[in-house]
Protein backbone atom coordinates (compact mmCIF):
# COMPACT_ATOMS: atom_id res chain seq x y z
CA MET A 1 -39.11 34.40 -25.96
CA ARG A 2 -41.16 31.94 -27.97
CA ALA A 3 -42.71 28.84 -26.43
CA SER A 4 -40.43 26.53 -28.42
CA SER A 5 -37.36 28.28 -26.95
CA TRP A 6 -38.69 27.73 -23.42
CA VAL A 7 -39.28 24.07 -24.16
CA LEU A 8 -35.72 23.66 -25.47
CA LEU A 9 -34.34 25.47 -22.42
CA LEU A 10 -36.37 23.25 -20.09
CA ILE A 11 -35.23 20.09 -21.88
CA GLY A 12 -31.61 21.25 -21.68
CA ALA A 13 -31.93 21.97 -17.95
CA LEU A 14 -33.52 18.60 -17.27
CA LEU A 15 -30.81 16.79 -19.23
CA THR A 16 -28.12 18.68 -17.30
CA VAL A 17 -29.66 17.82 -13.93
CA GLY A 18 -30.06 14.19 -14.99
CA LEU A 19 -26.45 13.99 -16.15
CA LEU A 20 -25.17 15.50 -12.89
CA ALA A 21 -27.24 13.07 -10.80
CA TRP A 22 -25.98 10.14 -12.86
CA LEU A 23 -22.35 11.27 -12.51
CA LEU A 24 -22.67 11.59 -8.74
CA THR A 25 -24.07 8.08 -8.34
CA GLU A 26 -21.68 6.49 -10.84
CA ARG A 27 -18.68 8.10 -9.18
CA ARG A 28 -18.93 5.65 -6.29
CA TRP A 29 -18.34 2.65 -8.55
CA ALA A 30 -15.17 4.15 -10.00
CA GLY A 31 -13.62 4.83 -6.58
CA SER A 32 -11.41 2.55 -4.54
CA LEU A 33 -13.98 2.39 -1.69
CA TYR A 34 -16.93 1.44 -3.92
CA CYS A 35 -18.05 -1.34 -1.56
CA ILE A 36 -18.40 0.82 1.58
CA GLU A 37 -21.96 2.09 1.35
CA ARG A 38 -22.00 3.74 4.77
CA PRO A 39 -18.52 5.06 5.63
CA GLY A 40 -17.60 4.95 9.32
CA THR A 41 -19.73 1.87 9.98
CA LEU A 42 -19.23 -1.87 9.95
CA TRP A 43 -21.46 -3.99 7.72
CA ASN A 44 -23.50 -1.13 6.29
CA GLY A 45 -24.44 0.56 9.55
CA LEU A 46 -24.65 -2.41 11.91
CA THR A 47 -22.27 -0.66 14.30
CA ALA A 48 -19.72 2.13 14.32
CA LEU A 49 -16.38 1.24 12.78
CA PRO A 50 -13.91 0.49 15.58
CA PRO A 51 -10.68 2.51 15.70
CA GLY A 52 -7.71 0.91 14.00
CA LEU A 53 -9.64 -0.52 11.05
CA THR A 54 -8.90 0.82 7.58
CA PRO A 55 -11.66 0.23 5.02
CA GLU A 56 -10.77 -1.04 1.55
CA CYS A 57 -12.49 -2.89 -1.26
CA PRO A 58 -11.42 -5.82 -3.42
CA ASP A 59 -9.85 -4.83 -6.74
CA SER A 60 -11.83 -7.55 -8.50
CA GLN A 61 -14.11 -6.38 -11.30
CA SER A 62 -16.49 -9.26 -10.55
CA TYR A 63 -16.89 -8.11 -6.92
CA ARG A 64 -17.41 -4.54 -8.15
CA GLN A 65 -20.15 -5.72 -10.53
CA GLU A 66 -21.87 -7.88 -7.88
CA VAL A 67 -21.95 -4.98 -5.41
CA ARG A 68 -23.10 -2.54 -8.07
CA THR A 69 -26.01 -4.76 -9.12
CA ARG A 70 -26.84 -5.47 -5.45
CA PHE A 71 -26.30 -9.20 -6.00
CA SER A 72 -23.99 -9.23 -3.00
CA ARG A 73 -22.32 -6.96 -0.49
CA VAL A 74 -18.66 -7.10 0.43
CA GLU A 75 -16.74 -4.97 2.91
CA ARG A 76 -13.04 -5.28 3.64
CA TYR A 77 -11.01 -3.87 6.53
CA ARG A 78 -7.34 -3.97 7.47
CA ALA A 79 -5.91 -3.86 11.01
CA ASP A 80 -2.43 -4.16 12.48
CA GLY A 81 -1.51 -7.48 14.10
CA TRP A 82 -3.12 -10.89 13.83
CA ASN A 83 -6.45 -11.07 15.61
CA PRO A 84 -8.75 -13.04 13.31
CA ARG A 85 -11.81 -13.05 15.59
CA ALA A 86 -11.68 -9.33 16.48
CA LEU A 87 -14.90 -8.32 14.68
CA LEU A 88 -17.03 -11.26 15.80
CA PRO A 89 -18.20 -9.67 19.10
CA LEU A 90 -19.41 -6.57 17.22
CA LEU A 91 -21.34 -8.64 14.71
CA LYS A 92 -22.87 -10.70 17.53
CA GLN A 93 -23.90 -7.52 19.37
CA GLY A 94 -25.59 -6.47 16.13
CA GLY A 95 -27.79 -9.57 16.16
CA TYR A 96 -25.73 -12.13 14.26
CA ARG A 97 -25.25 -15.67 15.56
CA GLN A 98 -22.07 -17.52 14.68
CA THR A 99 -22.75 -20.88 13.03
CA THR A 100 -19.18 -21.98 12.14
CA ASP A 101 -15.71 -21.39 13.55
CA ASP A 102 -12.91 -22.63 11.29
CA ASP A 103 -9.15 -22.15 11.35
CA VAL A 104 -8.89 -23.03 7.66
CA ALA A 105 -5.09 -22.93 7.43
CA PRO A 106 -2.29 -21.01 9.12
CA GLY A 107 -3.10 -17.35 8.61
CA ASN A 108 -6.68 -17.99 7.45
CA TYR A 109 -9.80 -18.01 9.58
CA ALA A 110 -13.39 -18.33 8.36
CA ALA A 111 -16.81 -18.21 9.96
CA PHE A 112 -20.43 -18.04 8.90
CA LEU A 113 -22.95 -16.02 10.83
CA SER A 114 -26.71 -15.78 10.49
CA GLY A 115 -28.71 -12.78 11.50
CA PRO A 116 -30.89 -9.85 10.56
CA GLY A 117 -29.28 -9.45 7.14
CA GLY A 118 -29.24 -13.17 6.30
CA THR A 119 -26.05 -15.23 6.10
CA LEU A 120 -22.74 -13.43 6.47
CA GLN A 121 -19.38 -14.90 5.50
CA TYR A 122 -16.47 -13.70 7.66
CA LEU A 123 -12.92 -14.26 6.48
CA ALA A 124 -9.72 -13.12 8.19
CA THR A 125 -6.41 -13.44 6.38
CA ARG A 126 -2.93 -12.65 7.69
CA GLN A 127 -0.96 -10.38 5.36
CA ALA A 128 2.44 -8.96 6.32
CA GLY A 129 1.74 -8.52 10.03
CA GLN A 130 -1.82 -7.34 9.50
CA THR A 131 -5.27 -8.91 9.52
CA VAL A 132 -7.46 -8.38 6.48
CA PHE A 133 -11.15 -8.94 7.29
CA THR A 134 -13.56 -9.61 4.45
CA LEU A 135 -17.28 -9.63 5.18
CA SER A 136 -19.63 -10.74 2.43
CA GLY A 137 -23.25 -11.68 1.98
CA ARG A 138 -26.51 -10.61 0.38
CA PRO A 139 -27.57 -6.98 0.69
């Protein structure tokens, strides 16, 4: 085989490997759980995910873009029943300190926490007999 053939083969192999690597990383952003960077954990590895919480991500394209560009992080979880403060003890055990505690309106609770990852916004919303927790902040 001539040298030019080897070079073309090498270029083709490198392009194939690069394309596969790109597809594997881009796949996350197309999925429904794009915002959960470390599955099975709460707030990107702060603690193990407690039983009874189902992870999900906002459908919003703007959230997806902010998470993708690492402008912000957002994690969302759903649990049966209405227990808006359920995740606060776990976040506090992970080093966060609660700075606000607000019952915003019936079925809506909000808090801000400060800690090792900066400021964290905590929002709990009642939806059809369930609590939807949204955690957001800077990565």
